[in-house]
N, C-alpha and C. Protein backbone atom coordinates (compact mmCIF):
# COMPACT_ATOMS: atom_id res chain seq x y z
N MET A 1 -16.64 3.93 26.96
CA MET A 1 -15.46 3.60 26.18
C MET A 1 -14.54 4.82 26.14
N LYS A 2 -13.29 4.60 26.46
CA LYS A 2 -12.32 5.70 26.51
C LYS A 2 -11.62 5.85 25.17
N PHE A 3 -11.38 7.07 24.82
CA PHE A 3 -10.62 7.35 23.61
C PHE A 3 -9.24 7.83 24.05
N ASP A 4 -8.25 6.95 23.96
CA ASP A 4 -6.90 7.29 24.42
C ASP A 4 -5.98 7.71 23.29
N GLY A 5 -6.45 7.65 22.07
CA GLY A 5 -5.60 7.99 20.93
C GLY A 5 -5.36 9.48 20.83
N PRO A 6 -4.37 9.86 20.07
CA PRO A 6 -4.09 11.30 19.91
C PRO A 6 -5.18 11.98 19.08
N ILE A 7 -5.39 13.22 19.34
CA ILE A 7 -6.35 14.01 18.59
C ILE A 7 -5.67 14.41 17.28
N PRO A 8 -6.36 14.30 16.15
CA PRO A 8 -5.74 14.70 14.89
C PRO A 8 -5.26 16.15 14.94
N GLY A 9 -4.01 16.35 14.56
CA GLY A 9 -3.41 17.68 14.56
C GLY A 9 -2.78 18.07 15.88
N GLU A 10 -2.82 17.16 16.86
CA GLU A 10 -2.25 17.46 18.17
C GLU A 10 -0.75 17.72 18.09
N ASN A 11 -0.08 17.06 17.15
CA ASN A 11 1.35 17.25 17.01
C ASN A 11 1.72 18.67 16.60
N TYR A 12 0.78 19.40 16.00
CA TYR A 12 1.06 20.78 15.61
C TYR A 12 1.03 21.73 16.80
N THR A 13 0.37 21.33 17.90
CA THR A 13 0.29 22.20 19.06
C THR A 13 1.34 21.87 20.11
N ALA A 14 2.02 20.73 19.98
CA ALA A 14 3.02 20.32 20.96
C ALA A 14 4.33 21.08 20.73
N ASN A 15 5.10 21.19 21.78
CA ASN A 15 6.40 21.84 21.69
C ASN A 15 7.37 20.89 20.99
N THR A 16 7.93 21.30 19.88
CA THR A 16 8.82 20.42 19.12
C THR A 16 10.20 20.32 19.71
N LYS A 17 10.49 21.11 20.74
CA LYS A 17 11.81 21.04 21.38
C LYS A 17 11.85 20.00 22.50
N ASN A 18 10.80 19.21 22.62
CA ASN A 18 10.74 18.21 23.69
C ASN A 18 11.75 17.09 23.50
N TYR A 19 12.08 16.77 22.27
CA TYR A 19 12.96 15.64 22.00
C TYR A 19 14.35 16.14 21.61
N ALA A 20 15.35 15.35 21.98
CA ALA A 20 16.73 15.77 21.73
C ALA A 20 17.02 15.90 20.23
N TRP A 21 16.40 15.06 19.42
CA TRP A 21 16.69 15.10 17.98
C TRP A 21 15.95 16.25 17.28
N HIS A 22 15.13 17.01 18.02
CA HIS A 22 14.50 18.19 17.46
C HIS A 22 15.33 19.46 17.70
N ARG A 23 16.41 19.31 18.43
CA ARG A 23 17.29 20.45 18.72
C ARG A 23 18.64 20.22 18.04
N PRO A 24 19.41 21.26 17.86
CA PRO A 24 20.75 21.08 17.30
C PRO A 24 21.59 20.21 18.23
N PRO A 25 22.48 19.38 17.67
CA PRO A 25 23.30 18.49 18.51
C PRO A 25 24.30 19.28 19.35
N ASP A 26 24.73 18.66 20.45
CA ASP A 26 25.71 19.31 21.33
C ASP A 26 27.09 19.36 20.68
N LEU A 27 27.45 18.31 19.95
CA LEU A 27 28.78 18.23 19.32
C LEU A 27 28.61 18.18 17.81
N VAL A 28 29.37 19.01 17.13
CA VAL A 28 29.33 19.01 15.67
C VAL A 28 30.71 18.79 15.06
N ASP A 29 31.75 18.82 15.89
CA ASP A 29 33.11 18.64 15.42
C ASP A 29 33.50 17.16 15.51
N TYR A 30 34.12 16.65 14.47
CA TYR A 30 34.51 15.25 14.39
C TYR A 30 35.42 14.85 15.55
N ASP A 31 36.49 15.62 15.77
CA ASP A 31 37.46 15.29 16.82
C ASP A 31 36.82 15.34 18.20
N GLU A 32 35.98 16.33 18.43
CA GLU A 32 35.30 16.43 19.72
C GLU A 32 34.38 15.24 19.96
N ALA A 33 33.68 14.82 18.91
CA ALA A 33 32.77 13.69 19.04
C ALA A 33 33.52 12.39 19.33
N VAL A 34 34.66 12.17 18.64
CA VAL A 34 35.46 10.98 18.89
C VAL A 34 36.00 11.01 20.32
N SER A 35 36.51 12.15 20.75
CA SER A 35 37.03 12.28 22.11
C SER A 35 35.94 12.04 23.15
N TYR A 36 34.77 12.59 22.90
CA TYR A 36 33.65 12.39 23.82
C TYR A 36 33.31 10.91 23.95
N MET A 37 33.21 10.22 22.82
CA MET A 37 32.82 8.80 22.86
C MET A 37 33.91 7.94 23.49
N ILE A 38 35.17 8.24 23.25
CA ILE A 38 36.26 7.48 23.87
C ILE A 38 36.24 7.69 25.38
N ASP A 39 36.04 8.93 25.81
CA ASP A 39 35.94 9.20 27.25
C ASP A 39 34.73 8.48 27.85
N LYS A 40 33.64 8.45 27.10
CA LYS A 40 32.43 7.77 27.56
C LYS A 40 32.67 6.26 27.68
N ILE A 41 33.36 5.68 26.71
CA ILE A 41 33.66 4.24 26.74
C ILE A 41 34.59 3.91 27.90
N ASP A 42 35.51 4.80 28.21
CA ASP A 42 36.48 4.56 29.29
C ASP A 42 35.89 4.67 30.69
N GLU A 43 34.66 5.15 30.82
CA GLU A 43 34.03 5.19 32.13
C GLU A 43 33.87 3.76 32.65
N PRO A 44 34.09 3.52 33.95
CA PRO A 44 34.08 2.15 34.48
C PRO A 44 32.80 1.36 34.18
N GLN A 45 31.64 1.97 34.34
CA GLN A 45 30.40 1.25 34.08
C GLN A 45 30.24 0.92 32.60
N GLN A 46 30.62 1.86 31.76
CA GLN A 46 30.45 1.67 30.31
C GLN A 46 31.40 0.61 29.78
N ILE A 47 32.65 0.61 30.24
CA ILE A 47 33.61 -0.38 29.74
C ILE A 47 33.22 -1.78 30.21
N GLU A 48 32.59 -1.89 31.40
CA GLU A 48 32.11 -3.18 31.86
C GLU A 48 31.01 -3.70 30.94
N ILE A 49 30.14 -2.81 30.51
CA ILE A 49 29.06 -3.20 29.59
C ILE A 49 29.65 -3.64 28.26
N VAL A 50 30.65 -2.89 27.77
CA VAL A 50 31.30 -3.24 26.50
C VAL A 50 31.94 -4.63 26.61
N TYR A 51 32.68 -4.87 27.68
CA TYR A 51 33.32 -6.18 27.86
C TYR A 51 32.29 -7.29 28.01
N ALA A 52 31.19 -7.00 28.70
CA ALA A 52 30.15 -8.02 28.87
C ALA A 52 29.51 -8.36 27.53
N MET A 53 29.27 -7.34 26.71
CA MET A 53 28.68 -7.61 25.39
C MET A 53 29.63 -8.41 24.51
N LEU A 54 30.92 -8.05 24.55
CA LEU A 54 31.90 -8.80 23.75
C LEU A 54 32.05 -10.22 24.29
N GLY A 55 31.95 -10.38 25.62
CA GLY A 55 32.02 -11.71 26.22
C GLY A 55 30.82 -12.57 25.85
N ALA A 56 29.71 -11.93 25.53
CA ALA A 56 28.50 -12.65 25.11
C ALA A 56 28.46 -12.83 23.60
N ASP A 57 29.62 -12.74 22.96
CA ASP A 57 29.78 -12.94 21.51
C ASP A 57 29.06 -11.90 20.65
N ALA A 58 28.90 -10.70 21.15
CA ALA A 58 28.35 -9.62 20.33
C ALA A 58 29.47 -9.10 19.43
N HIS A 59 29.12 -8.73 18.22
CA HIS A 59 30.10 -8.18 17.29
C HIS A 59 30.48 -6.77 17.74
N ILE A 60 31.68 -6.36 17.41
CA ILE A 60 32.11 -5.00 17.74
C ILE A 60 31.22 -3.98 17.04
N SER A 61 30.80 -4.28 15.83
CA SER A 61 29.91 -3.35 15.12
C SER A 61 28.59 -3.17 15.88
N THR A 62 28.10 -4.23 16.53
CA THR A 62 26.87 -4.13 17.32
C THR A 62 27.09 -3.28 18.56
N VAL A 63 28.23 -3.47 19.23
CA VAL A 63 28.56 -2.70 20.43
C VAL A 63 28.66 -1.22 20.09
N VAL A 64 29.39 -0.91 19.02
CA VAL A 64 29.57 0.49 18.63
C VAL A 64 28.25 1.10 18.20
N SER A 65 27.43 0.35 17.48
CA SER A 65 26.13 0.87 17.06
C SER A 65 25.26 1.22 18.26
N SER A 66 25.26 0.36 19.26
CA SER A 66 24.43 0.64 20.44
C SER A 66 24.96 1.85 21.20
N LEU A 67 26.27 2.01 21.30
CA LEU A 67 26.84 3.19 21.97
C LEU A 67 26.48 4.47 21.21
N LEU A 68 26.57 4.42 19.89
CA LEU A 68 26.27 5.60 19.09
C LEU A 68 24.78 5.94 19.14
N LEU A 69 23.92 4.94 19.10
CA LEU A 69 22.49 5.20 19.19
C LEU A 69 22.12 5.83 20.53
N GLN A 70 22.79 5.40 21.56
CA GLN A 70 22.56 5.98 22.89
C GLN A 70 22.93 7.47 22.89
N ALA A 71 24.06 7.79 22.30
CA ALA A 71 24.50 9.20 22.25
C ALA A 71 23.60 10.03 21.35
N ILE A 72 23.14 9.46 20.24
CA ILE A 72 22.23 10.18 19.34
C ILE A 72 20.91 10.47 20.04
N SER A 73 20.42 9.50 20.80
CA SER A 73 19.11 9.66 21.45
C SER A 73 19.11 10.76 22.50
N VAL A 74 20.26 11.08 23.08
CA VAL A 74 20.31 12.17 24.06
C VAL A 74 20.76 13.49 23.42
N GLY A 75 20.98 13.47 22.09
CA GLY A 75 21.28 14.71 21.37
C GLY A 75 22.73 15.13 21.39
N LYS A 76 23.66 14.20 21.62
CA LYS A 76 25.08 14.58 21.64
C LYS A 76 25.59 14.93 20.25
N PHE A 77 25.20 14.15 19.24
CA PHE A 77 25.59 14.47 17.87
C PHE A 77 24.57 13.89 16.91
N SER A 78 24.70 14.27 15.64
CA SER A 78 23.74 13.85 14.63
C SER A 78 24.07 12.45 14.12
N ILE A 79 23.13 11.90 13.40
CA ILE A 79 23.32 10.57 12.82
C ILE A 79 24.47 10.58 11.83
N ASP A 80 24.58 11.65 11.07
CA ASP A 80 25.65 11.76 10.07
C ASP A 80 27.02 11.70 10.72
N LEU A 81 27.19 12.43 11.80
CA LEU A 81 28.47 12.43 12.51
C LEU A 81 28.72 11.07 13.15
N ALA A 82 27.67 10.42 13.61
CA ALA A 82 27.81 9.08 14.20
C ALA A 82 28.35 8.10 13.17
N LEU A 83 27.87 8.21 11.95
CA LEU A 83 28.38 7.32 10.89
C LEU A 83 29.86 7.56 10.63
N LEU A 84 30.26 8.82 10.72
CA LEU A 84 31.66 9.14 10.46
C LEU A 84 32.59 8.65 11.57
N ILE A 85 32.14 8.67 12.81
CA ILE A 85 33.02 8.28 13.91
C ILE A 85 32.90 6.80 14.27
N ALA A 86 32.05 6.07 13.60
CA ALA A 86 31.86 4.65 13.91
C ALA A 86 33.15 3.85 13.69
N GLY A 87 33.89 4.14 12.65
CA GLY A 87 35.13 3.41 12.35
C GLY A 87 36.19 3.56 13.43
N PRO A 88 36.54 4.81 13.80
CA PRO A 88 37.53 4.97 14.87
C PRO A 88 37.08 4.36 16.21
N LEU A 89 35.79 4.44 16.51
CA LEU A 89 35.31 3.84 17.76
C LEU A 89 35.40 2.32 17.72
N ALA A 90 35.11 1.73 16.57
CA ALA A 90 35.23 0.28 16.44
C ALA A 90 36.68 -0.14 16.63
N ARG A 91 37.59 0.62 16.09
CA ARG A 91 39.02 0.33 16.27
C ARG A 91 39.43 0.47 17.73
N TYR A 92 38.90 1.47 18.42
CA TYR A 92 39.21 1.67 19.84
C TYR A 92 38.68 0.50 20.67
N VAL A 93 37.47 0.06 20.40
CA VAL A 93 36.89 -1.08 21.12
C VAL A 93 37.69 -2.35 20.82
N GLU A 94 38.16 -2.49 19.58
CA GLU A 94 38.98 -3.64 19.20
C GLU A 94 40.28 -3.65 20.02
N ILE A 95 40.93 -2.51 20.14
CA ILE A 95 42.17 -2.41 20.91
C ILE A 95 41.91 -2.71 22.38
N ALA A 96 40.80 -2.18 22.91
CA ALA A 96 40.45 -2.44 24.31
C ALA A 96 40.20 -3.92 24.54
N ALA A 97 39.56 -4.59 23.60
CA ALA A 97 39.30 -6.03 23.73
C ALA A 97 40.60 -6.83 23.66
N LYS A 98 41.52 -6.42 22.80
CA LYS A 98 42.82 -7.10 22.72
C LYS A 98 43.60 -6.95 24.01
N ASP A 99 43.53 -5.76 24.63
CA ASP A 99 44.28 -5.49 25.86
C ASP A 99 43.88 -6.41 27.00
N VAL A 100 42.59 -6.74 27.08
CA VAL A 100 42.14 -7.59 28.19
C VAL A 100 42.00 -9.05 27.77
N GLY A 101 42.29 -9.36 26.52
CA GLY A 101 42.29 -10.75 26.06
C GLY A 101 40.91 -11.31 25.74
N ILE A 102 39.98 -10.47 25.38
CA ILE A 102 38.64 -10.94 25.00
C ILE A 102 38.64 -11.24 23.51
N LYS A 103 38.14 -12.44 23.16
CA LYS A 103 37.99 -12.76 21.74
C LYS A 103 36.84 -11.92 21.18
N TYR A 104 37.01 -11.45 19.98
CA TYR A 104 36.01 -10.57 19.39
C TYR A 104 35.87 -10.86 17.92
N ASP A 105 34.77 -10.38 17.37
CA ASP A 105 34.50 -10.46 15.94
C ASP A 105 34.03 -9.07 15.52
N MET A 106 34.62 -8.53 14.47
CA MET A 106 34.26 -7.19 14.03
C MET A 106 32.82 -7.14 13.51
N GLY A 107 32.33 -8.24 12.97
CA GLY A 107 30.95 -8.27 12.50
C GLY A 107 30.76 -7.71 11.12
N ILE A 108 31.83 -7.55 10.38
CA ILE A 108 31.71 -6.99 9.03
C ILE A 108 32.11 -7.99 7.96
N ASP A 109 32.71 -9.11 8.35
CA ASP A 109 33.16 -10.09 7.36
C ASP A 109 32.14 -11.21 7.24
N ASP A 110 31.91 -11.66 6.02
CA ASP A 110 31.04 -12.79 5.77
C ASP A 110 31.91 -13.91 5.20
N PRO A 111 32.19 -14.95 5.99
CA PRO A 111 33.11 -15.98 5.52
C PRO A 111 32.56 -16.78 4.34
N ASP A 112 31.25 -16.82 4.15
CA ASP A 112 30.66 -17.58 3.05
C ASP A 112 30.56 -16.78 1.76
N ARG A 113 30.94 -15.53 1.80
CA ARG A 113 30.83 -14.66 0.63
C ARG A 113 31.90 -15.02 -0.40
N ILE A 114 31.49 -15.09 -1.63
CA ILE A 114 32.42 -15.33 -2.74
C ILE A 114 32.90 -13.98 -3.24
N ILE A 115 34.20 -13.80 -3.26
CA ILE A 115 34.77 -12.55 -3.75
C ILE A 115 34.85 -12.64 -5.27
N ILE A 116 34.18 -11.74 -5.93
CA ILE A 116 34.11 -11.76 -7.39
C ILE A 116 35.25 -10.91 -7.94
N THR A 117 36.14 -11.57 -8.64
CA THR A 117 37.25 -10.89 -9.28
C THR A 117 36.97 -10.81 -10.78
N PRO A 118 37.66 -9.94 -11.51
CA PRO A 118 37.43 -9.87 -12.95
C PRO A 118 37.70 -11.20 -13.65
N THR A 119 38.73 -11.92 -13.22
CA THR A 119 39.05 -13.21 -13.84
C THR A 119 37.94 -14.22 -13.57
N LEU A 120 37.44 -14.27 -12.35
CA LEU A 120 36.36 -15.19 -12.00
C LEU A 120 35.11 -14.88 -12.80
N LEU A 121 34.82 -13.61 -12.97
CA LEU A 121 33.66 -13.21 -13.75
C LEU A 121 33.81 -13.61 -15.21
N LYS A 122 34.98 -13.41 -15.77
CA LYS A 122 35.21 -13.81 -17.17
C LYS A 122 35.08 -15.31 -17.33
N GLN A 123 35.57 -16.07 -16.36
CA GLN A 123 35.45 -17.53 -16.43
C GLN A 123 33.99 -17.95 -16.35
N ALA A 124 33.23 -17.30 -15.49
CA ALA A 124 31.82 -17.65 -15.34
C ALA A 124 31.03 -17.33 -16.61
N LEU A 125 31.42 -16.29 -17.31
CA LEU A 125 30.74 -15.91 -18.55
C LEU A 125 31.26 -16.68 -19.76
N GLY A 126 32.30 -17.46 -19.55
CA GLY A 126 32.85 -18.25 -20.65
C GLY A 126 33.72 -17.44 -21.59
N LEU A 127 34.18 -16.28 -21.16
CA LEU A 127 35.01 -15.44 -22.02
C LEU A 127 36.47 -15.87 -21.99
N VAL A 128 36.86 -16.59 -20.96
CA VAL A 128 38.23 -17.06 -20.80
C VAL A 128 38.18 -18.56 -20.61
N GLU A 129 39.02 -19.28 -21.35
CA GLU A 129 39.07 -20.72 -21.17
C GLU A 129 39.74 -21.02 -19.85
N GLN A 130 39.18 -21.97 -19.13
CA GLN A 130 39.70 -22.32 -17.81
C GLN A 130 40.57 -23.56 -17.93
N ASP A 131 41.79 -23.47 -17.38
CA ASP A 131 42.66 -24.63 -17.37
C ASP A 131 42.12 -25.65 -16.37
N GLU A 132 42.45 -26.93 -16.60
CA GLU A 132 41.98 -27.96 -15.69
C GLU A 132 42.66 -27.83 -14.33
N ASP A 133 43.87 -27.26 -14.29
CA ASP A 133 44.55 -27.07 -13.02
C ASP A 133 43.82 -26.04 -12.16
N GLU A 134 43.23 -25.04 -12.80
CA GLU A 134 42.58 -23.96 -12.07
C GLU A 134 41.16 -24.31 -11.67
N GLU A 135 40.64 -25.44 -12.12
CA GLU A 135 39.25 -25.80 -11.84
C GLU A 135 38.99 -25.86 -10.34
N GLY A 136 39.94 -26.33 -9.55
CA GLY A 136 39.75 -26.42 -8.12
C GLY A 136 39.73 -25.08 -7.43
N ASP A 137 40.31 -24.04 -8.06
CA ASP A 137 40.36 -22.72 -7.46
C ASP A 137 39.02 -22.00 -7.53
N MET A 138 38.19 -22.40 -8.48
CA MET A 138 36.93 -21.71 -8.68
C MET A 138 35.88 -22.24 -7.70
N PRO A 139 35.11 -21.38 -7.04
CA PRO A 139 34.10 -21.84 -6.10
C PRO A 139 33.06 -22.73 -6.79
N GLU A 140 32.47 -23.65 -6.01
CA GLU A 140 31.55 -24.62 -6.57
C GLU A 140 30.33 -23.96 -7.20
N GLU A 141 29.76 -22.94 -6.52
CA GLU A 141 28.54 -22.33 -7.03
C GLU A 141 28.74 -21.75 -8.42
N VAL A 142 29.89 -21.15 -8.65
CA VAL A 142 30.14 -20.51 -9.94
C VAL A 142 30.45 -21.55 -11.00
N SER A 143 31.22 -22.61 -10.64
CA SER A 143 31.61 -23.59 -11.64
C SER A 143 30.44 -24.46 -12.09
N GLU A 144 29.39 -24.60 -11.26
CA GLU A 144 28.26 -25.42 -11.63
C GLU A 144 27.25 -24.67 -12.48
N GLN A 145 27.34 -23.36 -12.56
CA GLN A 145 26.39 -22.58 -13.31
C GLN A 145 26.66 -22.74 -14.80
N PRO A 146 25.60 -22.78 -15.61
CA PRO A 146 25.83 -22.86 -17.06
C PRO A 146 26.44 -21.56 -17.55
N THR A 147 27.36 -21.68 -18.46
CA THR A 147 28.01 -20.48 -18.99
C THR A 147 27.25 -20.00 -20.22
N PRO A 148 26.81 -18.76 -20.24
CA PRO A 148 26.10 -18.25 -21.41
C PRO A 148 27.05 -18.04 -22.58
N GLU A 149 26.47 -17.98 -23.76
CA GLU A 149 27.30 -17.72 -24.94
C GLU A 149 27.85 -16.31 -24.85
N ALA A 150 29.02 -16.13 -25.41
CA ALA A 150 29.64 -14.81 -25.38
C ALA A 150 28.81 -13.85 -26.22
N ALA A 151 28.65 -12.66 -25.73
CA ALA A 151 27.86 -11.66 -26.44
C ALA A 151 28.62 -11.20 -27.67
N THR A 152 27.91 -11.10 -28.80
CA THR A 152 28.57 -10.68 -30.03
C THR A 152 28.43 -9.19 -30.26
N GLY A 153 27.46 -8.59 -29.64
CA GLY A 153 27.25 -7.16 -29.80
C GLY A 153 26.68 -6.59 -28.53
N GLY A 154 26.42 -5.33 -28.55
CA GLY A 154 25.85 -4.69 -27.38
C GLY A 154 24.36 -4.96 -27.27
N LEU A 155 23.76 -4.37 -26.28
CA LEU A 155 22.34 -4.55 -26.04
C LEU A 155 21.51 -4.01 -27.20
N MET A 156 21.95 -2.94 -27.79
CA MET A 156 21.19 -2.32 -28.87
C MET A 156 21.73 -2.70 -30.26
N ALA A 157 22.59 -3.71 -30.31
CA ALA A 157 23.16 -4.12 -31.60
C ALA A 157 22.09 -4.77 -32.47
N MET A 158 22.32 -4.74 -33.76
CA MET A 158 21.41 -5.35 -34.71
C MET A 158 21.42 -6.86 -34.52
N PRO A 159 20.27 -7.51 -34.43
CA PRO A 159 20.26 -8.96 -34.23
C PRO A 159 20.81 -9.68 -35.46
N GLU A 160 21.40 -10.83 -35.19
CA GLU A 160 21.94 -11.63 -36.28
C GLU A 160 20.80 -12.21 -37.10
N ALA A 161 21.09 -12.59 -38.34
CA ALA A 161 20.08 -13.16 -39.21
C ALA A 161 19.58 -14.48 -38.61
N GLY A 162 18.28 -14.67 -38.66
CA GLY A 162 17.70 -15.91 -38.15
C GLY A 162 17.38 -15.88 -36.67
N THR A 163 17.71 -14.78 -36.00
CA THR A 163 17.42 -14.71 -34.57
C THR A 163 16.13 -13.96 -34.28
N THR A 164 15.51 -13.39 -35.31
CA THR A 164 14.26 -12.68 -35.10
C THR A 164 13.09 -13.64 -35.23
N ALA A 165 11.99 -13.30 -34.60
CA ALA A 165 10.79 -14.13 -34.66
C ALA A 165 10.14 -13.98 -36.04
N PRO A 166 9.41 -14.99 -36.49
CA PRO A 166 8.69 -14.87 -37.77
C PRO A 166 7.66 -13.73 -37.70
N GLU A 167 7.25 -13.24 -38.86
CA GLU A 167 6.37 -12.08 -38.92
C GLU A 167 5.05 -12.31 -38.21
N ASP A 168 4.45 -13.50 -38.35
CA ASP A 168 3.17 -13.74 -37.69
C ASP A 168 3.32 -13.74 -36.17
N GLU A 169 4.44 -14.24 -35.68
CA GLU A 169 4.68 -14.24 -34.24
C GLU A 169 4.91 -12.82 -33.74
N GLN A 170 5.65 -12.02 -34.53
CA GLN A 170 5.87 -10.62 -34.16
C GLN A 170 4.54 -9.86 -34.13
N ALA A 171 3.68 -10.12 -35.11
CA ALA A 171 2.38 -9.45 -35.16
C ALA A 171 1.55 -9.84 -33.94
N ALA A 172 1.60 -11.10 -33.56
CA ALA A 172 0.86 -11.54 -32.37
C ALA A 172 1.40 -10.87 -31.12
N MET A 173 2.72 -10.72 -31.03
CA MET A 173 3.31 -10.06 -29.87
C MET A 173 2.91 -8.59 -29.81
N LEU A 174 2.76 -7.95 -30.94
CA LEU A 174 2.40 -6.54 -31.00
C LEU A 174 0.89 -6.33 -30.92
N GLY A 175 0.11 -7.42 -30.90
CA GLY A 175 -1.34 -7.29 -30.82
C GLY A 175 -2.00 -7.11 -32.16
N MET A 176 -1.24 -7.29 -33.21
CA MET A 176 -1.82 -7.18 -34.55
C MET A 176 -2.26 -8.57 -34.99
N MET A 177 -3.37 -8.62 -35.71
CA MET A 177 -3.85 -9.91 -36.18
C MET A 177 -3.55 -10.05 -37.67
N THR A 178 -3.34 -11.27 -38.07
CA THR A 178 -3.16 -11.51 -39.50
C THR A 178 -4.52 -11.49 -40.16
N SER A 179 -4.56 -11.48 -41.48
CA SER A 179 -5.83 -11.40 -42.22
C SER A 179 -6.71 -12.62 -41.95
N GLU A 180 -6.12 -13.81 -41.78
CA GLU A 180 -6.90 -15.01 -41.49
C GLU A 180 -7.62 -14.88 -40.14
N GLU A 181 -6.94 -14.37 -39.14
CA GLU A 181 -7.53 -14.20 -37.82
C GLU A 181 -8.64 -13.17 -37.85
N GLU A 182 -8.48 -12.11 -38.69
CA GLU A 182 -9.52 -11.09 -38.80
C GLU A 182 -10.78 -11.68 -39.42
N GLU A 183 -10.61 -12.56 -40.43
CA GLU A 183 -11.76 -13.19 -41.08
C GLU A 183 -12.52 -14.08 -40.09
N ILE A 184 -11.79 -14.82 -39.29
CA ILE A 184 -12.43 -15.69 -38.30
C ILE A 184 -13.19 -14.86 -37.27
N GLU A 185 -12.64 -13.75 -36.88
CA GLU A 185 -13.28 -12.88 -35.90
C GLU A 185 -14.51 -12.22 -36.49
N ASP A 186 -14.46 -11.85 -37.78
CA ASP A 186 -15.61 -11.24 -38.42
C ASP A 186 -16.78 -12.23 -38.52
N GLU A 187 -16.47 -13.51 -38.74
CA GLU A 187 -17.51 -14.53 -38.86
C GLU A 187 -18.23 -14.74 -37.52
N LEU A 188 -17.55 -14.54 -36.42
CA LEU A 188 -18.18 -14.73 -35.10
C LEU A 188 -19.08 -13.58 -34.81
């Protein structure tokens, strides 16, 4: 039987400079990194790949992510710098796609997402009366939800009279027994 697994502690004896991400990146300046990536995208083979991915309905965010991961893996720049230059690169790819007439999707918009505005939130909480004319403007999911009663105080406010549990229930919640329960337990 062969043992092909690594020997414990083997990583401490290996040269840590073997991988690109173990060394300082080649580019640390924002402008240089953007220029490098734009030049890289403009190479004939790379732009063909970009157009092919966009033609296969890949989002621009996916295309840019794959380009940046490729550059990070060879040690061109750090992950932090890649995050910073992702926006300008996405815009550049968008412009390139428009120039050749490729339909594209940025990949950042969710058409089913409900945008929560302060007015919509107040209506959902029942803090603002909703006119019958505005009923159609409110999304179905929010209008079907039950509206809670308006809060009368803060989280730490004193509870109103009659809203506290009876003493025996409070004692049970706290693990305290009433005298009757103690007598029954003593008899057992």
